[in-house]
């Protein structure tokens, strides 16, 4: 049902928010040994999460494309994608209503 999909989206959006905050925090400590590699992996995982949620809910305009970009550009794009996904979620929530 649509309500179940909304619950799924809400849960996964919350997880995505937590993961994104970790990515952002790690970015500010990127100069520590090994953190740059870890940050890149976290960005890849976060991008995959966004793409999966966007695909499941048909948000075709929300997609990640990180190849050939610097870390700052990738982080900026992740933030933009996350904001778009959050906007879509809020639109759906207004249509369906909160549980």
PDB file of N, CA and C in Angstrom:
ATOM      1  N   UNK A   1       0.841  -1.192   0.000  1.00  0.00           N
ATOM      2  CA  UNK A   1       0.000   0.000   0.000  1.00  0.00           C
ATOM      3  C   UNK A   1       0.882   1.250   0.000  1.00  0.00           C
ATOM      4  N   UNK A   2       0.259   2.350  -0.299  1.00  0.00           N
ATOM      5  CA  UNK A   2       1.011   3.605  -0.346  1.00  0.00           C
ATOM      6  C   UNK A   2       1.532   3.974   1.038  1.00  0.00           C
ATOM      7  N   UNK A   3       0.720   3.712   2.069  1.00  0.00           N
ATOM      8  CA  UNK A   3       1.159   4.023   3.436  1.00  0.00           C
ATOM      9  C   UNK A   3       2.391   3.203   3.814  1.00  0.00           C
ATOM     10  N   UNK A   4       2.424   1.932   3.417  1.00  0.00           N
ATOM     11  CA  UNK A   4       3.598   1.093   3.698  1.00  0.00           C
ATOM     12  C   UNK A   4       4.820   1.626   2.961  1.00  0.00           C
ATOM     13  N   UNK A   5       4.611   2.067   1.730  1.00  0.00           N
ATOM     14  CA  UNK A   5       5.718   2.649   0.966  1.00  0.00           C
ATOM     15  C   UNK A   5       6.234   3.909   1.651  1.00  0.00           C
ATOM     16  N   UNK A   6       5.309   4.701   2.174  1.00  0.00           N
ATOM     17  CA  UNK A   6       5.716   5.920   2.873  1.00  0.00           C
ATOM     18  C   UNK A   6       6.528   5.586   4.121  1.00  0.00           C
ATOM     19  N   UNK A   7       6.107   4.550   4.856  1.00  0.00           N
ATOM     20  CA  UNK A   7       6.858   4.128   6.044  1.00  0.00           C
ATOM     21  C   UNK A   7       8.259   3.672   5.639  1.00  0.00           C
ATOM     22  N   UNK A   8       8.323   2.896   4.556  1.00  0.00           N
ATOM     23  CA  UNK A   8       9.612   2.424   4.046  1.00  0.00           C
ATOM     24  C   UNK A   8      10.487   3.616   3.680  1.00  0.00           C
ATOM     25  N   UNK A   9       9.899   4.561   2.967  1.00  0.00           N
ATOM     26  CA  UNK A   9      10.651   5.742   2.545  1.00  0.00           C
ATOM     27  C   UNK A   9      11.089   6.559   3.751  1.00  0.00           C
ATOM     28  N   UNK A  10      10.193   6.711   4.727  1.00  0.00           N
ATOM     29  CA  UNK A  10      10.524   7.475   5.935  1.00  0.00           C
ATOM     30  C   UNK A  10      11.700   6.824   6.670  1.00  0.00           C
ATOM     31  N   UNK A  11      11.620   5.506   6.871  1.00  0.00           N
ATOM     32  CA  UNK A  11      12.693   4.790   7.571  1.00  0.00           C
ATOM     33  C   UNK A  11      14.015   4.929   6.835  1.00  0.00           C
ATOM     34  N   UNK A  12      13.966   4.737   5.528  1.00  0.00           N
ATOM     35  CA  UNK A  12      15.198   4.791   4.752  1.00  0.00           C
ATOM     36  C   UNK A  12      15.716   6.208   4.590  1.00  0.00           C
ATOM     37  N   UNK A  13      14.831   7.178   4.576  1.00  0.00           N
ATOM     38  CA  UNK A  13      15.268   8.571   4.532  1.00  0.00           C
ATOM     39  C   UNK A  13      15.968   8.929   5.834  1.00  0.00           C
ATOM     40  N   UNK A  14      15.421   8.450   6.961  1.00  0.00           N
ATOM     41  CA  UNK A  14      16.069   8.688   8.257  1.00  0.00           C
ATOM     42  C   UNK A  14      17.464   8.073   8.285  1.00  0.00           C
ATOM     43  N   UNK A  15      17.578   6.838   7.779  1.00  0.00           N
ATOM     44  CA  UNK A  15      18.891   6.174   7.727  1.00  0.00           C
ATOM     45  C   UNK A  15      19.841   6.969   6.834  1.00  0.00           C
ATOM     46  N   UNK A  16      19.316   7.418   5.711  1.00  0.00           N
ATOM     47  CA  UNK A  16      20.127   8.196   4.779  1.00  0.00           C
ATOM     48  C   UNK A  16      20.598   9.491   5.430  1.00  0.00           C
ATOM     49  N   UNK A  17      19.734  10.140   6.192  1.00  0.00           N
ATOM     50  CA  UNK A  17      20.119  11.372   6.889  1.00  0.00           C
ATOM     51  C   UNK A  17      21.257  11.102   7.862  1.00  0.00           C
ATOM     52  N   UNK A  18      21.153  10.007   8.607  1.00  0.00           N
ATOM     53  CA  UNK A  18      22.209   9.655   9.556  1.00  0.00           C
ATOM     54  C   UNK A  18      23.522   9.395   8.827  1.00  0.00           C
ATOM     55  N   UNK A  19      23.446   8.640   7.734  1.00  0.00           N
ATOM     56  CA  UNK A  19      24.651   8.334   6.962  1.00  0.00           C
ATOM     57  C   UNK A  19      25.252   9.594   6.360  1.00  0.00           C
ATOM     58  N   UNK A  20      24.388  10.478   5.871  1.00  0.00           N
ATOM     59  CA  UNK A  20      24.896  11.697   5.255  1.00  0.00           C
ATOM     60  C   UNK A  20      25.585  12.578   6.283  1.00  0.00           C
ATOM     61  N   UNK A  21      25.037  12.641   7.486  1.00  0.00           N
ATOM     62  CA  UNK A  21      25.680  13.420   8.552  1.00  0.00           C
ATOM     63  C   UNK A  21      27.060  12.848   8.866  1.00  0.00           C
ATOM     64  N   UNK A  22      27.180  11.520   8.842  1.00  0.00           N
ATOM     65  CA  UNK A  22      28.481  10.883   9.077  1.00  0.00           C
ATOM     66  C   UNK A  22      29.465  11.269   7.976  1.00  0.00           C
ATOM     67  N   UNK A  23      28.973  11.285   6.741  1.00  0.00           N
ATOM     68  CA  UNK A  23      29.827  11.668   5.612  1.00  0.00           C
ATOM     69  C   UNK A  23      30.295  13.106   5.785  1.00  0.00           C
ATOM     70  N   UNK A  24      29.368  13.986   6.123  1.00  0.00           N
ATOM     71  CA  UNK A  24      29.725  15.391   6.311  1.00  0.00           C
ATOM     72  C   UNK A  24      30.735  15.561   7.434  1.00  0.00           C
ATOM     73  N   UNK A  25      30.511  14.866   8.549  1.00  0.00           N
ATOM     74  CA  UNK A  25      31.441  14.946   9.680  1.00  0.00           C
ATOM     75  C   UNK A  25      32.819  14.420   9.289  1.00  0.00           C
ATOM     76  N   UNK A  26      32.828  13.306   8.559  1.00  0.00           N
ATOM     77  CA  UNK A  26      34.098  12.713   8.134  1.00  0.00           C
ATOM     78  C   UNK A  26      34.846  13.654   7.194  1.00  0.00           C
ATOM     79  N   UNK A  27      34.099  14.418   6.407  1.00  0.00           N
ATOM     80  CA  UNK A  27      34.736  15.343   5.479  1.00  0.00           C
ATOM     81  C   UNK A  27      35.599  16.354   6.223  1.00  0.00           C
ATOM     82  N   UNK A  28      35.114  16.816   7.353  1.00  0.00           N
ATOM     83  CA  UNK A  28      35.868  17.819   8.113  1.00  0.00           C
ATOM     84  C   UNK A  28      37.104  17.227   8.787  1.00  0.00           C
ATOM     85  N   UNK A  29      37.186  15.901   8.819  1.00  0.00           N
ATOM     86  CA  UNK A  29      38.370  15.237   9.372  1.00  0.00           C
ATOM     87  C   UNK A  29      39.113  14.479   8.277  1.00  0.00           C
ATOM     88  N   UNK A  30      38.943  14.933   7.042  1.00  0.00           N
ATOM     89  CA  UNK A  30      39.501  14.209   5.894  1.00  0.00           C
ATOM     90  C   UNK A  30      41.022  14.160   5.879  1.00  0.00           C
ATOM     91  N   UNK A  31      41.675  15.056   6.618  1.00  0.00           N
ATOM     92  CA  UNK A  31      43.135  15.085   6.615  1.00  0.00           C
ATOM     93  C   UNK A  31      43.751  14.024   7.514  1.00  0.00           C
ATOM     94  N   UNK A  32      42.938  13.385   8.346  1.00  0.00           N
ATOM     95  CA  UNK A  32      43.463  12.318   9.201  1.00  0.00           C
ATOM     96  C   UNK A  32      43.785  11.103   8.332  1.00  0.00           C
ATOM     97  N   UNK A  33      44.821  10.340   8.700  1.00  0.00           N
ATOM     98  CA  UNK A  33      45.230   9.186   7.887  1.00  0.00           C
ATOM     99  C   UNK A  33      44.078   8.209   7.651  1.00  0.00           C
ATOM    100  N   UNK A  34      43.885   7.839   6.386  1.00  0.00           N
ATOM    101  CA  UNK A  34      42.876   6.854   6.021  1.00  0.00           C
ATOM    102  C   UNK A  34      41.469   7.405   5.867  1.00  0.00           C
ATOM    103  N   UNK A  35      41.240   8.621   6.320  1.00  0.00           N
ATOM    104  CA  UNK A  35      39.881   9.158   6.283  1.00  0.00           C
ATOM    105  C   UNK A  35      39.404   9.501   4.878  1.00  0.00           C
ATOM    106  N   UNK A  36      40.313   9.888   4.004  1.00  0.00           N
ATOM    107  CA  UNK A  36      39.916  10.246   2.648  1.00  0.00           C
ATOM    108  C   UNK A  36      39.333   9.034   1.928  1.00  0.00           C
ATOM    109  N   UNK A  37      39.991   7.887   2.081  1.00  0.00           N
ATOM    110  CA  UNK A  37      39.496   6.652   1.460  1.00  0.00           C
ATOM    111  C   UNK A  37      38.146   6.262   2.067  1.00  0.00           C
ATOM    112  N   UNK A  38      38.052   6.355   3.387  1.00  0.00           N
ATOM    113  CA  UNK A  38      36.801   6.023   4.077  1.00  0.00           C
ATOM    114  C   UNK A  38      35.680   6.947   3.623  1.00  0.00           C
ATOM    115  N   UNK A  39      35.993   8.227   3.494  1.00  0.00           N
ATOM    116  CA  UNK A  39      35.001   9.206   3.060  1.00  0.00           C
ATOM    117  C   UNK A  39      34.505   8.892   1.655  1.00  0.00           C
ATOM    118  N   UNK A  40      35.418   8.513   0.773  1.00  0.00           N
ATOM    119  CA  UNK A  40      35.018   8.176  -0.588  1.00  0.00           C
ATOM    120  C   UNK A  40      34.079   6.976  -0.588  1.00  0.00           C
ATOM    121  N   UNK A  41      34.379   5.977   0.235  1.00  0.00           N
ATOM    122  CA  UNK A  41      33.499   4.809   0.340  1.00  0.00           C
ATOM    123  C   UNK A  41      32.131   5.213   0.881  1.00  0.00           C
ATOM    124  N   UNK A  42      32.122   6.081   1.894  1.00  0.00           N
ATOM    125  CA  UNK A  42      30.853   6.534   2.468  1.00  0.00           C
ATOM    126  C   UNK A  42      30.034   7.320   1.448  1.00  0.00           C
ATOM    127  N   UNK A  43      30.702   8.136   0.647  1.00  0.00           N
ATOM    128  CA  UNK A  43      30.005   8.880  -0.402  1.00  0.00           C
ATOM    129  C   UNK A  43      29.378   7.927  -1.408  1.00  0.00           C
ATOM    130  N   UNK A  44      30.123   6.903  -1.786  1.00  0.00           N
ATOM    131  CA  UNK A  44      29.614   5.922  -2.742  1.00  0.00           C
ATOM    132  C   UNK A  44      28.395   5.209  -2.171  1.00  0.00           C
ATOM    133  N   UNK A  45      28.478   4.800  -0.900  1.00  0.00           N
ATOM    134  CA  UNK A  45      27.351   4.121  -0.256  1.00  0.00           C
ATOM    135  C   UNK A  45      26.135   5.040  -0.157  1.00  0.00           C
ATOM    136  N   UNK A  46      26.370   6.288   0.216  1.00  0.00           N
ATOM    137  CA  UNK A  46      25.273   7.246   0.356  1.00  0.00           C
ATOM    138  C   UNK A  46      24.631   7.517  -0.994  1.00  0.00           C
ATOM    139  N   UNK A  47      25.462   7.655  -2.022  1.00  0.00           N
ATOM    140  CA  UNK A  47      24.933   7.872  -3.363  1.00  0.00           C
ATOM    141  C   UNK A  47      24.083   6.686  -3.791  1.00  0.00           C
ATOM    142  N   UNK A  48      24.546   5.481  -3.502  1.00  0.00           N
ATOM    143  CA  UNK A  48      23.787   4.279  -3.849  1.00  0.00           C
ATOM    144  C   UNK A  48      22.440   4.269  -3.128  1.00  0.00           C
ATOM    145  N   UNK A  49      22.443   4.641  -1.847  1.00  0.00           N
ATOM    146  CA  UNK A  49      21.189   4.707  -1.085  1.00  0.00           C
ATOM    147  C   UNK A  49      20.218   5.695  -1.728  1.00  0.00           C
ATOM    148  N   UNK A  50      20.724   6.851  -2.101  1.00  0.00           N
ATOM    149  CA  UNK A  50      19.884   7.864  -2.739  1.00  0.00           C
ATOM    150  C   UNK A  50      19.332   7.337  -4.057  1.00  0.00           C
ATOM    151  N   UNK A  51      20.189   6.729  -4.865  1.00  0.00           N
ATOM    152  CA  UNK A  51      19.753   6.229  -6.166  1.00  0.00           C
ATOM    153  C   UNK A  51      18.703   5.135  -6.024  1.00  0.00           C
ATOM    154  N   UNK A  52      18.879   4.258  -5.027  1.00  0.00           N
ATOM    155  CA  UNK A  52      17.911   3.175  -4.804  1.00  0.00           C
ATOM    156  C   UNK A  52      16.552   3.759  -4.427  1.00  0.00           C
ATOM    157  N   UNK A  53      16.551   4.666  -3.454  1.00  0.00           N
ATOM    158  CA  UNK A  53      15.285   5.280  -3.044  1.00  0.00           C
ATOM    159  C   UNK A  53      14.657   6.064  -4.194  1.00  0.00           C
ATOM    160  N   UNK A  54      15.462   6.800  -4.927  1.00  0.00           N
ATOM    161  CA  UNK A  54      14.945   7.585  -6.044  1.00  0.00           C
ATOM    162  C   UNK A  54      14.330   6.674  -7.101  1.00  0.00           C
ATOM    163  N   UNK A  55      14.978   5.543  -7.373  1.00  0.00           N
ATOM    164  CA  UNK A  55      14.482   4.610  -8.374  1.00  0.00           C
ATOM    165  C   UNK A  55      13.189   3.943  -7.919  1.00  0.00           C
ATOM    166  N   UNK A  56      13.159   3.499  -6.675  1.00  0.00           N
ATOM    167  CA  UNK A  56      11.978   2.821  -6.139  1.00  0.00           C
ATOM    168  C   UNK A  56      10.742   3.713  -6.242  1.00  0.00           C
ATOM    169  N   UNK A  57      10.923   5.002  -5.980  1.00  0.00           N
ATOM    170  CA  UNK A  57       9.787   5.912  -5.983  1.00  0.00           C
ATOM    171  C   UNK A  57       9.638   6.703  -7.273  1.00  0.00           C
ATOM    172  N   UNK A  58      10.413   6.350  -8.291  1.00  0.00           N
ATOM    173  CA  UNK A  58      10.237   6.959  -9.597  1.00  0.00           C
ATOM    174  C   UNK A  58      10.713   8.391  -9.706  1.00  0.00           C
ATOM    175  N   UNK A  59      11.674   8.782  -8.858  1.00  0.00           N
ATOM    176  CA  UNK A  59      12.212  10.136  -8.929  1.00  0.00           C
ATOM    177  C   UNK A  59      13.375  10.136  -9.918  1.00  0.00           C
ATOM    178  N   UNK A  60      13.045  10.098 -11.201  1.00  0.00           N
ATOM    179  CA  UNK A  60      14.072   9.915 -12.235  1.00  0.00           C
ATOM    180  C   UNK A  60      15.066  11.071 -12.299  1.00  0.00           C
ATOM    181  N   UNK A  61      14.624  12.264 -11.874  1.00  0.00           N
ATOM    182  CA  UNK A  61      15.532  13.420 -11.961  1.00  0.00           C
ATOM    183  C   UNK A  61      16.561  13.427 -10.847  1.00  0.00           C
ATOM    184  N   UNK A  62      16.424  12.496  -9.887  1.00  0.00           N
ATOM    185  CA  UNK A  62      17.381  12.435  -8.786  1.00  0.00           C
ATOM    186  C   UNK A  62      18.332  11.274  -9.045  1.00  0.00           C
ATOM    187  N   UNK A  63      19.521  11.591  -9.466  1.00  0.00           N
ATOM    188  CA  UNK A  63      20.519  10.560  -9.726  1.00  0.00           C
ATOM    189  C   UNK A  63      21.892  11.106  -9.388  1.00  0.00           C
ATOM    190  N   UNK A  64      22.769  10.213  -8.996  1.00  0.00           N
ATOM    191  CA  UNK A  64      24.135  10.625  -8.701  1.00  0.00           C
ATOM    192  C   UNK A  64      25.052  10.356  -9.886  1.00  0.00           C
ATOM    193  N   UNK A  65      26.067  11.176 -10.031  1.00  0.00           N
ATOM    194  CA  UNK A  65      27.084  10.943 -11.061  1.00  0.00           C
ATOM    195  C   UNK A  65      28.374  11.579 -10.562  1.00  0.00           C
ATOM    196  N   UNK A  66      29.211  10.761  -9.899  1.00  0.00           N
ATOM    197  CA  UNK A  66      30.363  11.311  -9.209  1.00  0.00           C
ATOM    198  C   UNK A  66      31.657  11.226 -10.001  1.00  0.00           C
ATOM    199  N   UNK A  67      31.670  10.501 -11.086  1.00  0.00           N
ATOM    200  CA  UNK A  67      32.938  10.256 -11.768  1.00  0.00           C
ATOM    201  C   UNK A  67      33.584  11.545 -12.253  1.00  0.00           C
ATOM    202  N   UNK A  68      34.888  11.648 -12.025  1.00  0.00           N
ATOM    203  CA  UNK A  68      35.659  12.776 -12.519  1.00  0.00           C
ATOM    204  C   UNK A  68      35.510  14.062 -11.727  1.00  0.00           C
ATOM    205  N   UNK A  69      34.889  13.987 -10.569  1.00  0.00           N
ATOM    206  CA  UNK A  69      34.693  15.192  -9.767  1.00  0.00           C
ATOM    207  C   UNK A  69      35.547  15.125  -8.512  1.00  0.00           C
ATOM    208  N   UNK A  70      35.888  16.291  -8.000  1.00  0.00           N
ATOM    209  CA  UNK A  70      36.669  16.331  -6.768  1.00  0.00           C
ATOM    210  C   UNK A  70      35.755  16.067  -5.569  1.00  0.00           C
ATOM    211  N   UNK A  71      36.371  15.797  -4.436  1.00  0.00           N
ATOM    212  CA  UNK A  71      35.638  15.458  -3.220  1.00  0.00           C
ATOM    213  C   UNK A  71      34.617  16.531  -2.846  1.00  0.00           C
ATOM    214  N   UNK A  72      35.010  17.798  -2.929  1.00  0.00           N
ATOM    215  CA  UNK A  72      34.109  18.886  -2.565  1.00  0.00           C
ATOM    216  C   UNK A  72      32.888  18.915  -3.482  1.00  0.00           C
ATOM    217  N   UNK A  73      33.113  18.708  -4.784  1.00  0.00           N
ATOM    218  CA  UNK A  73      31.995  18.695  -5.731  1.00  0.00           C
ATOM    219  C   UNK A  73      31.069  17.517  -5.451  1.00  0.00           C
ATOM    220  N   UNK A  74      31.662  16.369  -5.138  1.00  0.00           N
ATOM    221  CA  UNK A  74      30.851  15.196  -4.840  1.00  0.00           C
ATOM    222  C   UNK A  74      30.002  15.413  -3.596  1.00  0.00           C
ATOM    223  N   UNK A  75      30.596  16.004  -2.569  1.00  0.00           N
ATOM    224  CA  UNK A  75      29.863  16.261  -1.331  1.00  0.00           C
ATOM    225  C   UNK A  75      28.738  17.269  -1.581  1.00  0.00           C
ATOM    226  N   UNK A  76      29.034  18.283  -2.375  1.00  0.00           N
ATOM    227  CA  UNK A  76      28.027  19.287  -2.717  1.00  0.00           C
ATOM    228  C   UNK A  76      26.874  18.643  -3.482  1.00  0.00           C
ATOM    229  N   UNK A  77      27.212  17.748  -4.413  1.00  0.00           N
ATOM    230  CA  UNK A  77      26.179  17.064  -5.186  1.00  0.00           C
ATOM    231  C   UNK A  77      25.337  16.159  -4.289  1.00  0.00           C
ATOM    232  N   UNK A  78      25.999  15.461  -3.353  1.00  0.00           N
ATOM    233  CA  UNK A  78      25.265  14.613  -2.414  1.00  0.00           C
ATOM    234  C   UNK A  78      24.259  15.450  -1.628  1.00  0.00           C
ATOM    235  N   UNK A  79      24.673  16.615  -1.188  1.00  0.00           N
ATOM    236  CA  UNK A  79      23.781  17.497  -0.435  1.00  0.00           C
ATOM    237  C   UNK A  79      22.591  17.911  -1.292  1.00  0.00           C
ATOM    238  N   UNK A  80      22.855  18.256  -2.537  1.00  0.00           N
ATOM    239  CA  UNK A  80      21.794  18.660  -3.453  1.00  0.00           C
ATOM    240  C   UNK A  80      20.822  17.507  -3.706  1.00  0.00           C
ATOM    241  N   UNK A  81      21.368  16.318  -3.951  1.00  0.00           N
ATOM    242  CA  UNK A  81      20.522  15.148  -4.190  1.00  0.00           C
ATOM    243  C   UNK A  81      19.675  14.842  -2.964  1.00  0.00           C
ATOM    244  N   UNK A  82      20.292  14.936  -1.798  1.00  0.00           N
ATOM    245  CA  UNK A  82      19.577  14.659  -0.562  1.00  0.00           C
ATOM    246  C   UNK A  82      18.428  15.649  -0.372  1.00  0.00           C
ATOM    247  N   UNK A  83      18.680  16.914  -0.661  1.00  0.00           N
ATOM    248  CA  UNK A  83      17.632  17.927  -0.530  1.00  0.00           C
ATOM    249  C   UNK A  83      16.480  17.645  -1.489  1.00  0.00           C
ATOM    250  N   UNK A  84      16.797  17.243  -2.723  1.00  0.00           N
ATOM    251  CA  UNK A  84      15.748  16.918  -3.693  1.00  0.00           C
ATOM    252  C   UNK A  84      14.915  15.736  -3.212  1.00  0.00           C
ATOM    253  N   UNK A  85      15.590  14.723  -2.685  1.00  0.00           N
ATOM    254  CA  UNK A  85      14.882  13.550  -2.190  1.00  0.00           C
ATOM    255  C   UNK A  85      13.995  13.928  -1.006  1.00  0.00           C
ATOM    256  N   UNK A  86      14.503  14.766  -0.124  1.00  0.00           N
ATOM    257  CA  UNK A  86      13.716  15.217   1.030  1.00  0.00           C
ATOM    258  C   UNK A  86      12.477  15.989   0.581  1.00  0.00           C
ATOM    259  N   UNK A  87      12.636  16.838  -0.441  1.00  0.00           N
ATOM    260  CA  UNK A  87      11.497  17.598  -0.967  1.00  0.00           C
ATOM    261  C   UNK A  87      10.437  16.662  -1.523  1.00  0.00           C
ATOM    262  N   UNK A  88      10.869  15.663  -2.285  1.00  0.00           N
ATOM    263  CA  UNK A  88       9.931  14.700  -2.859  1.00  0.00           C
ATOM    264  C   UNK A  88       9.202  13.948  -1.753  1.00  0.00           C
ATOM    265  N   UNK A  89       9.948  13.562  -0.728  1.00  0.00           N
ATOM    266  CA  UNK A  89       9.358  12.846   0.394  1.00  0.00           C
ATOM    267  C   UNK A  89       8.285  13.703   1.067  1.00  0.00           C
ATOM    268  N   UNK A  90       8.594  14.974   1.303  1.00  0.00           N
ATOM    269  CA  UNK A  90       7.637  15.870   1.948  1.00  0.00           C
ATOM    270  C   UNK A  90       6.390  16.053   1.094  1.00  0.00           C
ATOM    271  N   UNK A  91       6.563  16.116  -0.231  1.00  0.00           N
ATOM    272  CA  UNK A  91       5.411  16.232  -1.126  1.00  0.00           C
ATOM    273  C   UNK A  91       4.518  14.999  -1.012  1.00  0.00           C
ATOM    274  N   UNK A  92       5.151  13.823  -1.010  1.00  0.00           N
ATOM    275  CA  UNK A  92       4.383  12.585  -0.891  1.00  0.00           C
ATOM    276  C   UNK A  92       3.691  12.516   0.465  1.00  0.00           C
ATOM    277  N   UNK A  93       4.389  12.934   1.508  1.00  0.00           N
ATOM    278  CA  UNK A  93       3.824  12.880   2.850  1.00  0.00           C
ATOM    279  C   UNK A  93       2.598  13.792   2.956  1.00  0.00           C
ATOM    280  N   UNK A  94       2.654  14.952   2.312  1.00  0.00           N
ATOM    281  CA  UNK A  94       1.500  15.859   2.326  1.00  0.00           C
ATOM    282  C   UNK A  94       0.305  15.220   1.622  1.00  0.00           C
ATOM    283  N   UNK A  95       0.557  14.490   0.541  1.00  0.00           N
ATOM    284  CA  UNK A  95      -0.529  13.843  -0.199  1.00  0.00           C
ATOM    285  C   UNK A  95      -1.151  12.709   0.607  1.00  0.00           C
ATOM    286  N   UNK A  96      -0.308  11.931   1.266  1.00  0.00           N
ATOM    287  CA  UNK A  96      -0.773  10.729   1.959  1.00  0.00           C
ATOM    288  C   UNK A  96      -1.170  11.023   3.396  1.00  0.00           C
ATOM    289  N   UNK A  97      -0.485  11.959   4.017  1.00  0.00           N
ATOM    290  CA  UNK A  97      -0.704  12.260   5.428  1.00  0.00           C
ATOM    291  C   UNK A  97       0.248  11.463   6.286  1.00  0.00           C
ATOM    292  N   UNK A  98       0.500  11.965   7.465  1.00  0.00           N
ATOM    293  CA  UNK A  98       1.410  11.285   8.385  1.00  0.00           C
ATOM    294  C   UNK A  98       0.659  10.170   9.096  1.00  0.00           C
ATOM    295  N   UNK A  99       1.356   9.102   9.474  1.00  0.00           N
ATOM    296  CA  UNK A  99       0.680   7.982  10.154  1.00  0.00           C
ATOM    297  C   UNK A  99       0.206   8.372  11.552  1.00  0.00           C
TER     298      UNK A  99
END
